[in-house]
C-alpha atoms as a PDB file:
ATOM      1  CA  MET A   1      43.248  54.274-111.680  1.00  0.00           C
ATOM      2  CA  ASN A   2      46.476  52.411-112.124  1.00  0.00           C
ATOM      3  CA  VAL A   3      49.478  55.629-113.073  1.00  0.00           C
ATOM      4  CA  LEU A   4      53.450  54.934-114.679  1.00  0.00           C
ATOM      5  CA  ILE A   5      56.002  57.397-112.992  1.00  0.00           C
ATOM      6  CA  SER A   6      58.714  56.698-115.470  1.00  0.00           C
ATOM      7  CA  ILE A   7      61.700  58.556-113.726  1.00  0.00           C
ATOM      8  CA  ASP A   8      64.825  59.308-115.473  1.00  0.00           C
ATOM      9  CA  ILE A   9      67.789  61.416-113.784  1.00  0.00           C
ATOM     10  CA  GLU A  10      69.099  64.236-115.929  1.00  0.00           C
ATOM     11  CA  GLY A  11      65.826  66.630-115.616  1.00  0.00           C
ATOM     12  CA  VAL A  12      65.959  66.090-112.066  1.00  0.00           C
ATOM     13  CA  ALA A  13      66.299  69.820-109.945  1.00  0.00           C
ATOM     14  CA  GLY A  14      69.922  70.598-109.318  1.00  0.00           C
ATOM     15  CA  VAL A  15      71.559  67.882-111.797  1.00  0.00           C
ATOM     16  CA  VAL A  16      73.476  69.582-114.836  1.00  0.00           C
ATOM     17  CA  HIS A  17      76.725  66.930-115.143  1.00  0.00           C
ATOM     18  CA  PRO A  18      77.616  62.914-115.128  1.00  0.00           C
ATOM     19  CA  ASP A  19      79.314  62.798-112.404  1.00  0.00           C
ATOM     20  CA  GLN A  20      75.622  63.654-110.549  1.00  0.00           C
ATOM     21  CA  SER A  21      74.243  61.078-112.912  1.00  0.00           C
ATOM     22  CA  GLN A  22      76.373  58.336-112.988  1.00  0.00           C
ATOM     23  CA  ARG A  23      77.412  55.375-110.947  1.00  0.00           C
ATOM     24  CA  GLY A  24      80.528  56.132-109.516  1.00  0.00           C
ATOM     25  CA  GLY A  25      80.375  59.776-110.315  1.00  0.00           C
ATOM     26  CA  SER A  26      81.250  61.771-106.829  1.00  0.00           C
ATOM     27  CA  ASP A  27      77.905  63.224-106.311  1.00  0.00           C
ATOM     28  CA  TYR A  28      75.885  59.992-107.349  1.00  0.00           C
ATOM     29  CA  GLU A  29      74.815  58.999-104.443  1.00  0.00           C
ATOM     30  CA  GLN A  30      73.474  62.386-103.427  1.00  0.00           C
ATOM     31  CA  THR A  31      70.934  62.482-107.545  1.00  0.00           C
ATOM     32  CA  ARG A  32      69.567  59.345-106.222  1.00  0.00           C
ATOM     33  CA  LEU A  33      68.310  61.095-103.549  1.00  0.00           C
ATOM     34  CA  LEU A  34      66.894  63.923-105.291  1.00  0.00           C
ATOM     35  CA  MET A  35      65.285  61.877-107.854  1.00  0.00           C
ATOM     36  CA  THR A  36      64.174  59.535-105.340  1.00  0.00           C
ATOM     37  CA  ALA A  37      62.165  62.319-104.039  1.00  0.00           C
ATOM     38  CA  GLU A  38      61.072  63.459-107.304  1.00  0.00           C
ATOM     39  CA  ALA A  39      59.118  59.970-107.523  1.00  0.00           C
ATOM     40  CA  ASN A  40      58.038  60.481-103.858  1.00  0.00           C
ATOM     41  CA  ALA A  41      56.354  63.954-105.661  1.00  0.00           C
ATOM     42  CA  ALA A  42      54.830  62.208-108.239  1.00  0.00           C
ATOM     43  CA  ALA A  43      52.861  59.219-106.244  1.00  0.00           C
ATOM     44  CA  LEU A  44      51.328  61.997-103.792  1.00  0.00           C
ATOM     45  CA  GLY A  45      50.200  63.539-106.613  1.00  0.00           C
ATOM     46  CA  ALA A  46      49.026  61.248-108.399  1.00  0.00           C
ATOM     47  CA  PHE A  47      47.082  59.096-105.527  1.00  0.00           C
ATOM     48  CA  ALA A  48      45.725  63.158-104.310  1.00  0.00           C
ATOM     49  CA  GLY A  49      44.104  62.573-108.200  1.00  0.00           C
ATOM     50  CA  GLY A  50      42.219  59.520-107.462  1.00  0.00           C
ATOM     51  CA  ALA A  51      44.954  56.998-108.466  1.00  0.00           C
ATOM     52  CA  THR A  52      44.614  53.244-106.844  1.00  0.00           C
ATOM     53  CA  ARG A  53      47.164  52.188-108.067  1.00  0.00           C
ATOM     54  CA  VAL A  54      50.851  54.033-108.821  1.00  0.00           C
ATOM     55  CA  LEU A  55      53.592  52.255-110.654  1.00  0.00           C
ATOM     56  CA  ILE A  56      57.380  53.538-110.709  1.00  0.00           C
ATOM     57  CA  ALA A  57      59.386  52.137-113.399  1.00  0.00           C
ATOM     58  CA  ASP A  58      63.006  53.979-112.687  1.00  0.00           C
ATOM     59  CA  ALA A  59      64.425  54.451-116.091  1.00  0.00           C
ATOM     60  CA  HIS A  60      67.934  55.640-115.773  1.00  0.00           C
ATOM     61  CA  GLY A  61      71.066  53.980-117.517  1.00  0.00           C
ATOM     62  CA  ASP A  62      70.666  50.305-115.572  1.00  0.00           C
ATOM     63  CA  MET A  63      67.622  51.400-113.956  1.00  0.00           C
ATOM     64  CA  ARG A  64      68.075  50.743-110.725  1.00  0.00           C
ATOM     65  CA  ASN A  65      68.737  53.671-108.909  1.00  0.00           C
ATOM     66  CA  LEU A  66      66.013  54.519-106.569  1.00  0.00           C
ATOM     67  CA  ILE A  67      66.698  54.091-103.094  1.00  0.00           C
ATOM     68  CA  ALA A  68      63.653  51.601-103.081  1.00  0.00           C
ATOM     69  CA  GLU A  69      62.917  51.913 -99.273  1.00  0.00           C
ATOM     70  CA  ARG A  70      62.439  55.849 -99.470  1.00  0.00           C
ATOM     71  CA  LEU A  71      59.801  55.767-101.573  1.00  0.00           C
ATOM     72  CA  VAL A  72      56.071  56.792-100.115  1.00  0.00           C
ATOM     73  CA  PRO A  73      54.980  53.168 -99.244  1.00  0.00           C
ATOM     74  CA  ARG A  74      51.863  52.420-101.533  1.00  0.00           C
ATOM     75  CA  VAL A  75      53.330  52.377-104.632  1.00  0.00           C
ATOM     76  CA  GLU A  76      55.103  49.498-106.354  1.00  0.00           C
ATOM     77  CA  ILE A  77      58.694  49.207-108.180  1.00  0.00           C
ATOM     78  CA  VAL A  78      59.797  48.992-111.511  1.00  0.00           C
ATOM     79  CA  SER A  79      63.310  48.144-111.539  1.00  0.00           C
ATOM     80  CA  GLY A  80      66.829  46.174-113.521  1.00  0.00           C
ATOM     81  CA  ASN A  81      67.689  46.425-117.090  1.00  0.00           C
ATOM     82  CA  PHE A  82      66.808  44.443-120.520  1.00  0.00           C
ATOM     83  CA  ARG A  83      63.070  44.772-119.767  1.00  0.00           C
ATOM     84  CA  PRO A  84      60.960  44.748-122.379  1.00  0.00           C
ATOM     85  CA  SER A  85      59.052  47.548-122.446  1.00  0.00           C
ATOM     86  CA  SER A  86      62.185  49.384-121.107  1.00  0.00           C
ATOM     87  CA  MET A  87      61.791  53.421-119.727  1.00  0.00           C
ATOM     88  CA  VAL A  88      58.057  52.720-119.694  1.00  0.00           C
ATOM     89  CA  GLN A  89      57.781  48.683-118.153  1.00  0.00           C
ATOM     90  CA  GLY A  90      54.416  48.527-116.106  1.00  0.00           C
ATOM     91  CA  VAL A  91      52.268  50.769-119.441  1.00  0.00           C
ATOM     92  CA  GLU A  92      51.221  47.213-120.452  1.00  0.00           C
ATOM     93  CA  GLU A  93      49.109  47.010-116.591  1.00  0.00           C
ATOM     94  CA  SER A  94      45.980  48.823-117.517  1.00  0.00           C
ATOM     95  CA  CYS A  95      47.619  52.363-116.843  1.00  0.00           C
ATOM     96  CA  GLU A  96      45.180  54.738-117.402  1.00  0.00           C
ATOM     97  CA  TYR A  97      48.115  57.686-117.395  1.00  0.00           C
ATOM     98  CA  ALA A  98      51.700  57.999-117.649  1.00  0.00           C
ATOM     99  CA  LEU A  99      54.095  60.687-115.961  1.00  0.00           C
ATOM    100  CA  PHE A 100      57.710  60.951-117.111  1.00  0.00           C
ATOM    101  CA  VAL A 101      59.798  62.522-114.357  1.00  0.00           C
ATOM    102  CA  GLY A 102      62.274  63.895-114.826  1.00  0.00           C
ATOM    103  CA  TYR A 103      62.938  63.739-118.558  1.00  0.00           C
ATOM    104  CA  HIS A 104      65.475  65.902-120.350  1.00  0.00           C
ATOM    105  CA  ALA A 105      65.678  66.590-124.836  1.00  0.00           C
ATOM    106  CA  ARG A 106      66.696  64.807-126.951  1.00  0.00           C
ATOM    107  CA  MET A 107      70.669  64.647-128.309  1.00  0.00           C
ATOM    108  CA  GLY A 108      70.941  67.623-130.698  1.00  0.00           C
ATOM    109  CA  THR A 109      68.974  69.977-128.440  1.00  0.00           C
ATOM    110  CA  VAL A 110      70.441  73.555-127.383  1.00  0.00           C
ATOM    111  CA  HIS A 111      70.258  74.248-123.936  1.00  0.00           C
ATOM    112  CA  GLY A 112      69.187  71.165-123.378  1.00  0.00           C
ATOM    113  CA  VAL A 113      70.560  69.276-120.039  1.00  0.00           C
ATOM    114  CA  LEU A 114      72.496  66.538-120.487  1.00  0.00           C
ATOM    115  CA  ASP A 115      71.067  66.310-123.994  1.00  0.00           C
ATOM    116  CA  HIS A 116      70.781  62.525-125.199  1.00  0.00           C
ATOM    117  CA  THR A 117      68.272  60.471-126.636  1.00  0.00           C
ATOM    118  CA  HIS A 118      68.641  56.750-124.926  1.00  0.00           C
ATOM    119  CA  SER A 119      72.286  55.775-125.545  1.00  0.00           C
ATOM    120  CA  GLY A 120      74.993  59.251-125.372  1.00  0.00           C
ATOM    121  CA  ALA A 121      77.740  56.800-126.163  1.00  0.00           C
ATOM    122  CA  SER A 122      76.332  56.055-129.404  1.00  0.00           C
ATOM    123  CA  LEU A 123      72.910  57.537-131.248  1.00  0.00           C
ATOM    124  CA  LEU A 124      73.109  60.893-132.820  1.00  0.00           C
ATOM    125  CA  GLU A 125      69.268  60.763-134.199  1.00  0.00           C
ATOM    126  CA  VAL A 126      66.575  58.986-134.185  1.00  0.00           C
ATOM    127  CA  SER A 127      63.680  59.225-136.167  1.00  0.00           C
ATOM    128  CA  VAL A 128      60.498  57.714-137.061  1.00  0.00           C
ATOM    129  CA  ASN A 129      58.674  58.391-140.617  1.00  0.00           C
ATOM    130  CA  GLY A 130      61.354  61.225-140.828  1.00  0.00           C
ATOM    131  CA  ARG A 131      60.355  62.766-137.369  1.00  0.00           C
ATOM    132  CA  ALA A 132      63.429  62.869-134.985  1.00  0.00           C
ATOM    133  CA  LEU A 133      62.482  61.635-131.944  1.00  0.00           C
ATOM    134  CA  GLY A 134      63.615  61.340-128.206  1.00  0.00           C
ATOM    135  CA  GLU A 135      62.516  59.996-124.904  1.00  0.00           C
ATOM    136  CA  ILE A 136      59.641  61.166-124.566  1.00  0.00           C
ATOM    137  CA  GLY A 137      58.167  60.935-128.294  1.00  0.00           C
ATOM    138  CA  LEU A 138      59.211  57.365-128.409  1.00  0.00           C
ATOM    139  CA  ASN A 139      58.040  56.353-124.790  1.00  0.00           C
ATOM    140  CA  THR A 140      54.796  58.494-125.966  1.00  0.00           C
ATOM    141  CA  LEU A 141      54.687  56.461-128.951  1.00  0.00           C
ATOM    142  CA  VAL A 142      53.988  52.698-126.925  1.00  0.00           C
ATOM    143  CA  CYS A 143      52.297  54.545-124.485  1.00  0.00           C
ATOM    144  CA  SER A 144      49.347  55.987-126.972  1.00  0.00           C
ATOM    145  CA  SER A 145      49.744  52.493-128.621  1.00  0.00           C
ATOM    146  CA  LEU A 146      48.158  50.614-125.697  1.00  0.00           C
ATOM    147  CA  GLY A 147      45.559  53.209-124.883  1.00  0.00           C
ATOM    148  CA  THR A 148      47.994  55.695-122.020  1.00  0.00           C
ATOM    149  CA  SER A 149      47.942  58.846-122.116  1.00  0.00           C
ATOM    150  CA  VAL A 150      50.961  60.772-120.837  1.00  0.00           C
ATOM    151  CA  ALA A 151      48.956  63.511-118.610  1.00  0.00           C
ATOM    152  CA  LEU A 152      52.538  65.251-117.201  1.00  0.00           C
ATOM    153  CA  VAL A 153      56.480  65.479-118.273  1.00  0.00           C
ATOM    154  CA  THR A 154      59.163  67.250-116.114  1.00  0.00           C
ATOM    155  CA  GLY A 155      62.463  68.623-116.602  1.00  0.00           C
ATOM    156  CA  ASP A 156      64.358  71.648-118.204  1.00  0.00           C
ATOM    157  CA  ALA A 157      62.951  74.642-120.052  1.00  0.00           C
ATOM    158  CA  ALA A 158      63.896  72.619-123.348  1.00  0.00           C
ATOM    159  CA  CYS A 159      62.315  68.878-122.774  1.00  0.00           C
ATOM    160  CA  CYS A 160      59.013  70.412-121.598  1.00  0.00           C
ATOM    161  CA  ALA A 161      59.065  72.808-124.960  1.00  0.00           C
ATOM    162  CA  GLU A 162      59.677  68.923-126.852  1.00  0.00           C
ATOM    163  CA  ALA A 163      56.761  67.945-124.772  1.00  0.00           C
ATOM    164  CA  LEU A 164      54.426  70.490-125.819  1.00  0.00           C
ATOM    165  CA  GLU A 165      55.462  70.352-129.561  1.00  0.00           C
ATOM    166  CA  ILE A 166      54.408  66.574-129.306  1.00  0.00           C
ATOM    167  CA  LEU A 167      51.450  66.562-126.260  1.00  0.00           C
ATOM    168  CA  PRO A 168      49.606  69.649-126.975  1.00  0.00           C
ATOM    169  CA  ASP A 169      47.647  69.258-123.558  1.00  0.00           C
ATOM    170  CA  VAL A 170      50.162  67.620-121.080  1.00  0.00           C
ATOM    171  CA  GLY A 171      51.216  69.783-117.992  1.00  0.00           C
ATOM    172  CA  THR A 172      54.519  70.533-117.381  1.00  0.00           C
ATOM    173  CA  VAL A 173      56.740  71.575-114.906  1.00  0.00           C
ATOM    174  CA  VAL A 174      59.830  73.530-115.320  1.00  0.00           C
ATOM    175  CA  THR A 175      63.169  72.163-113.047  1.00  0.00           C
ATOM    176  CA  LYS A 176      65.199  74.436-114.917  1.00  0.00           C
ATOM    177  CA  TRP A 177      66.426  76.003-117.320  1.00  0.00           C
ATOM    178  CA  GLY A 178      69.780  75.371-119.292  1.00  0.00           C
ATOM    179  CA  TYR A 179      72.922  77.341-120.106  1.00  0.00           C
ATOM    180  CA  GLY A 180      74.550  74.557-122.150  1.00  0.00           C
ATOM    181  CA  ARG A 181      74.554  70.625-121.578  1.00  0.00           C
ATOM    182  CA  TYR A 182      76.299  71.283-118.403  1.00  0.00           C
ATOM    183  CA  SER A 183      74.995  74.551-116.963  1.00  0.00           C
ATOM    184  CA  ALA A 184      71.765  75.598-115.580  1.00  0.00           C
ATOM    185  CA  ARG A 185      70.094  77.557-113.132  1.00  0.00           C
ATOM    186  CA  SER A 186      67.519  75.743-111.130  1.00  0.00           C
ATOM    187  CA  LEU A 187      64.266  75.351-109.200  1.00  0.00           C
ATOM    188  CA  HIS A 188      65.444  74.464-104.643  1.00  0.00           C
ATOM    189  CA  PRO A 189      64.272  70.890-105.491  1.00  0.00           C
ATOM    190  CA  ALA A 190      62.153  71.367-102.724  1.00  0.00           C
ATOM    191  CA  GLU A 191      60.042  73.684-104.948  1.00  0.00           C
ATOM    192  CA  ALA A 192      60.065  71.789-107.292  1.00  0.00           C
ATOM    193  CA  ARG A 193      58.873  68.721-105.917  1.00  0.00           C
ATOM    194  CA  ARG A 194      55.900  70.754-105.044  1.00  0.00           C
ATOM    195  CA  GLN A 195      55.282  71.877-108.173  1.00  0.00           C
ATOM    196  CA  ILE A 196      55.682  68.145-109.255  1.00  0.00           C
ATOM    197  CA  GLN A 197      53.142  67.040-106.318  1.00  0.00           C
ATOM    198  CA  GLU A 198      50.978  69.446-107.726  1.00  0.00           C
ATOM    199  CA  ALA A 199      51.186  69.144-111.733  1.00  0.00           C
ATOM    200  CA  ALA A 200      51.054  64.956-111.110  1.00  0.00           C
ATOM    201  CA  ARG A 201      47.401  65.554-109.301  1.00  0.00           C
ATOM    202  CA  LEU A 202      45.531  68.161-111.658  1.00  0.00           C
ATOM    203  CA  ALA A 203      47.293  65.770-114.758  1.00  0.00           C
ATOM    204  CA  VAL A 204      44.861  62.238-113.545  1.00  0.00           C
ATOM    205  CA  GLN A 205      42.692  64.944-112.654  1.00  0.00           C
ATOM    206  CA  SER A 206      42.216  66.340-116.062  1.00  0.00           C
ATOM    207  CA  ARG A 207      41.516  64.146-119.452  1.00  0.00           C
ATOM    208  CA  HIS A 208      44.190  63.672-122.276  1.00  0.00           C
ATOM    209  CA  GLU A 209      44.074  63.136-125.766  1.00  0.00           C
ATOM    210  CA  LEU A 210      45.956  59.781-127.659  1.00  0.00           C
ATOM    211  CA  PRO A 211      48.117  62.226-129.645  1.00  0.00           C
ATOM    212  CA  GLN A 212      48.838  60.296-133.343  1.00  0.00           C
ATOM    213  CA  VAL A 213      53.065  60.836-132.504  1.00  0.00           C
ATOM    214  CA  ALA A 214      53.410  58.649-136.278  1.00  0.00           C
ATOM    215  CA  ARG A 215      51.656  56.031-138.195  1.00  0.00           C
ATOM    216  CA  PRO A 216      52.433  52.899-139.492  1.00  0.00           C
ATOM    217  CA  PRO A 217      53.844  51.261-141.030  1.00  0.00           C
ATOM    218  CA  PHE A 218      56.930  52.769-139.359  1.00  0.00           C
ATOM    219  CA  GLU A 219      60.355  53.283-140.928  1.00  0.00           C
ATOM    220  CA  VAL A 220      63.394  54.369-138.314  1.00  0.00           C
ATOM    221  CA  ARG A 221      66.204  55.121-139.184  1.00  0.00           C
ATOM    222  CA  LEU A 222      69.395  55.390-136.637  1.00  0.00           C
ATOM    223  CA  ARG A 223      71.817  57.717-136.938  1.00  0.00           C
ATOM    224  CA  PHE A 224      75.302  56.399-134.645  1.00  0.00           C
ATOM    225  CA  GLN A 225      78.458  58.969-133.249  1.00  0.00           C
ATOM    226  CA  ASN A 226      80.765  56.998-135.662  1.00  0.00           C
ATOM    227  CA  ALA A 227      80.512  54.450-138.724  1.00  0.00           C
ATOM    228  CA  GLY A 228      81.965  51.044-136.105  1.00  0.00           C
ATOM    229  CA  MET A 229      78.467  51.284-133.950  1.00  0.00           C
ATOM    230  CA  ALA A 230      76.590  51.148-137.676  1.00  0.00           C
ATOM    231  CA  ASP A 231      78.495  48.423-138.239  1.00  0.00           C
ATOM    232  CA  ALA A 232      77.556  46.301-135.463  1.00  0.00           C
ATOM    233  CA  ALA A 233      74.011  47.459-135.556  1.00  0.00           C
ATOM    234  CA  GLU A 234      73.403  46.412-138.956  1.00  0.00           C
ATOM    235  CA  ILE A 235      73.687  42.789-138.841  1.00  0.00           C
ATOM    236  CA  VAL A 236      70.159  42.692-137.704  1.00  0.00           C
ATOM    237  CA  PRO A 237      68.207  41.020-140.004  1.00  0.00           C
ATOM    238  CA  GLY A 238      66.040  43.084-141.964  1.00  0.00           C
ATOM    239  CA  PHE A 239      68.547  46.114-141.049  1.00  0.00           C
ATOM    240  CA  ASP A 240      70.033  48.421-144.065  1.00  0.00           C
ATOM    241  CA  ARG A 241      72.953  49.949-143.787  1.00  0.00           C
ATOM    242  CA  LEU A 242      71.754  53.572-145.545  1.00  0.00           C
ATOM    243  CA  ASP A 243      75.678  55.471-144.869  1.00  0.00           C
ATOM    244  CA  ALA A 244      78.461  55.051-142.995  1.00  0.00           C
ATOM    245  CA  PHE A 245      77.012  56.477-139.620  1.00  0.00           C
ATOM    246  CA  THR A 246      72.473  55.719-140.807  1.00  0.00           C
ATOM    247  CA  ILE A 247      70.909  52.082-140.579  1.00  0.00           C
ATOM    248  CA  ARG A 248      67.014  51.538-141.135  1.00  0.00           C
ATOM    249  CA  PHE A 249      64.040  49.210-140.408  1.00  0.00           C
ATOM    250  CA  GLU A 250      60.492  49.185-141.047  1.00  0.00           C
ATOM    251  CA  ALA A 251      57.625  48.017-138.399  1.00  0.00           C
ATOM    252  CA  GLN A 252      54.441  47.577-138.001  1.00  0.00           C
ATOM    253  CA  GLU A 253      53.619  48.443-134.943  1.00  0.00           C
ATOM    254  CA  PRO A 254      55.218  51.019-131.767  1.00  0.00           C
ATOM    255  CA  MET A 255      56.168  48.435-129.938  1.00  0.00           C
ATOM    256  CA  GLY A 256      58.521  46.564-133.094  1.00  0.00           C
ATOM    257  CA  VAL A 257      59.856  50.133-132.885  1.00  0.00           C
ATOM    258  CA  LEU A 258      60.823  50.177-129.113  1.00  0.00           C
ATOM    259  CA  ARG A 259      62.085  46.540-129.158  1.00  0.00           C
ATOM    260  CA  GLY A 260      64.355  47.124-132.690  1.00  0.00           C
ATOM    261  CA  ARG A 261      65.903  50.721-131.783  1.00  0.00           C
ATOM    262  CA  LEU A 262      66.861  48.630-128.574  1.00  0.00           C
ATOM    263  CA  ALA A 263      68.431  45.804-129.682  1.00  0.00           C
ATOM    264  CA  ALA A 264      70.805  48.368-132.453  1.00  0.00           C
ATOM    265  CA  GLN A 265      71.868  50.407-129.598  1.00  0.00           C
ATOM    266  CA  ARG A 266      72.455  47.726-127.615  1.00  0.00           C
ATOM    267  CA  LEU A 267      74.834  46.336-130.548  1.00  0.00           C
ATOM    268  CA  ALA A 268      76.002  49.316-130.153  1.00  0.00           C
ATOM    269  CA  ASP A 269      76.867  50.165-127.023  1.00  0.00           C
ATOM    270  CA  ALA A 270      78.601  46.537-126.826  1.00  0.00           C
ATOM    271  CA  GLY A 271      80.348  47.256-129.899  1.00  0.00           C
ATOM    272  CA  ILE A 272      82.186  50.866-127.958  1.00  0.00           C
ATOM    273  CA  ALA A 273      83.056  47.816-124.652  1.00  0.00           C
ATOM    274  CA  ALA A 274      84.506  45.724-127.010  1.00  0.00           C
ATOM    275  CA  ALA A 275      86.564  48.499-128.931  1.00  0.00           C
ATOM    276  CA  SER A 276      87.860  49.937-125.670  1.00  0.00           C
ATOM    277  CA  VAL A 277      88.951  45.793-124.440  1.00  0.00           C
ATOM    278  CA  PHE A 278      90.945  45.915-127.642  1.00  0.00           C
ATOM    279  CA  ALA A 279      92.353  49.552-127.980  1.00  0.00           C
ATOM    280  CA  ARG A 280      93.650  48.425-123.697  1.00  0.00           C
ATOM    281  CA  ALA A 281      95.206  45.103-124.756  1.00  0.00           C
ATOM    282  CA  SER A 282      97.044  46.794-128.054  1.00  0.00           C
ATOM    283  CA  ARG A 283      98.839  49.194-126.143  1.00  0.00           C
END
């Protein structure tokens, strides 16, 4: 049995602030240790539940946060950015189950700790066929299309509630309860890891349905933080501008949804970087 673990960082127990989650932040190195430990907990649980192969996909930021030498030796590691399946790279290798560890709620969620949808700098909302989806829903769409069931989601309470709306039979572990975007009451990291390991074991021993997050054809709408970002994204062939902040495109299969969103987001994020350089040069 092949199992994919897609691990993000914002949902890890104890993480509440960008200084913890962003490279160069004062607490980032400690957070890498916590992230790696939660990945190990999920992997150990998956192996105990019957997995014969576990791939761990580093799914945060530049996707090279995990400390490889501290991971369980039996796992394989997917790391590095600009990869075709992004956060769920490896799911195409006949994975029966996917476990989403350290995840967070979509942008605009009340009491969602460090809530965002893929790019907190550029994207306000991603919707597919009129349904707003965060990273849980968008990654589930890709996994389901390849016959992979999402069996476990861990993160804050808002994240787990979002997961259960999409995946009624999914296992969840609440690692913290948000007071706001930058504050929470959290489990002790050791207790979070204990619960994740047990939940992962149970998850791969249970049967999970493949949800219909959305049916093709897919109409995707991306709403950006400002008009300049939409300016950058709308140059993609087949993308239409709906208003100052919103573009739309159509896709026939989930991988098209993923790649169209990635293309638009990267253009928008590049536009942010270019504008920053121009502003500094104009001073």
